[in-house]
Amino acid sequence: MYSQGVIYSGRNRRATVRAQKAWRSSLLLGALMVVSIAINAAIVLATGNGG
């Protein structure tokens, strides 16, 4: 099954590259969201529970 996937990806290299780029960008977006949430939480804690 894995080897079939490798052959398939080899046949559609351009499509897989595009998919990899999309996956990477979505991962980056998720990381940015996590970082922003963490920063917001830190600000809330620093200002005394959002007061």
Protein backbone atom coordinates (compact mmCIF):
# COMPACT_ATOMS: atom_id res chain seq x y z
CA MET A 1 0.00 0.00 0.00
CA TYR A 2 2.84 2.39 0.91
CA SER A 3 4.78 1.54 -2.27
CA GLN A 4 1.63 2.23 -4.31
CA GLY A 5 1.47 5.67 -2.69
CA VAL A 6 5.11 6.31 -3.59
CA ILE A 7 4.47 5.32 -7.22
CA TYR A 8 1.33 7.48 -7.29
CA SER A 9 3.19 10.49 -5.89
CA GLY A 10 5.98 9.92 -8.41
CA ARG A 11 3.44 9.99 -11.22
CA ASN A 12 1.82 13.19 -9.93
CA ARG A 13 4.87 14.98 -8.56
CA ARG A 14 3.51 18.44 -9.35
CA ALA A 15 0.24 17.73 -7.52
CA THR A 16 2.05 16.31 -4.48
CA VAL A 17 4.38 19.32 -4.33
CA ARG A 18 1.33 21.58 -4.37
CA ALA A 19 -0.29 19.50 -1.63
CA GLN A 20 2.91 19.62 0.44
CA LYS A 21 3.05 23.41 0.09
CA ALA A 22 -0.60 23.71 1.12
CA TRP A 23 0.00 21.39 4.08
CA ARG A 24 3.05 23.38 5.14
CA SER A 25 1.24 26.72 4.88
CA SER A 26 -1.73 25.39 6.87
CA LEU A 27 0.69 24.07 9.49
CA LEU A 28 2.35 27.50 9.64
CA LEU A 29 -1.07 29.15 9.98
CA GLY A 30 -1.96 26.79 12.82
CA ALA A 31 1.33 27.54 14.58
CA LEU A 32 0.69 31.28 14.25
CA MET A 33 -2.80 30.83 15.72
CA VAL A 34 -1.40 28.86 18.66
CA VAL A 35 1.26 31.54 19.25
CA SER A 36 -1.30 34.36 19.13
CA ILE A 37 -3.59 32.49 21.55
CA ALA A 38 -0.65 31.95 23.91
CA ILE A 39 0.26 35.66 23.73
CA ASN A 40 -3.37 36.64 24.42
CA ALA A 41 -3.47 34.26 27.40
CA ALA A 42 -0.21 35.74 28.72
CA ILE A 43 -1.60 39.28 28.39
CA VAL A 44 -4.82 38.27 30.18
CA LEU A 45 -2.83 36.68 33.01
CA ALA A 46 -0.50 39.68 33.22
CA THR A 47 -3.38 42.17 33.41
CA GLY A 48 -5.09 40.20 36.18
CA ASN A 49 -7.59 37.81 34.56
CA GLY A 50 -8.79 40.20 31.87
CA GLY A 51 -9.62 42.97 34.32
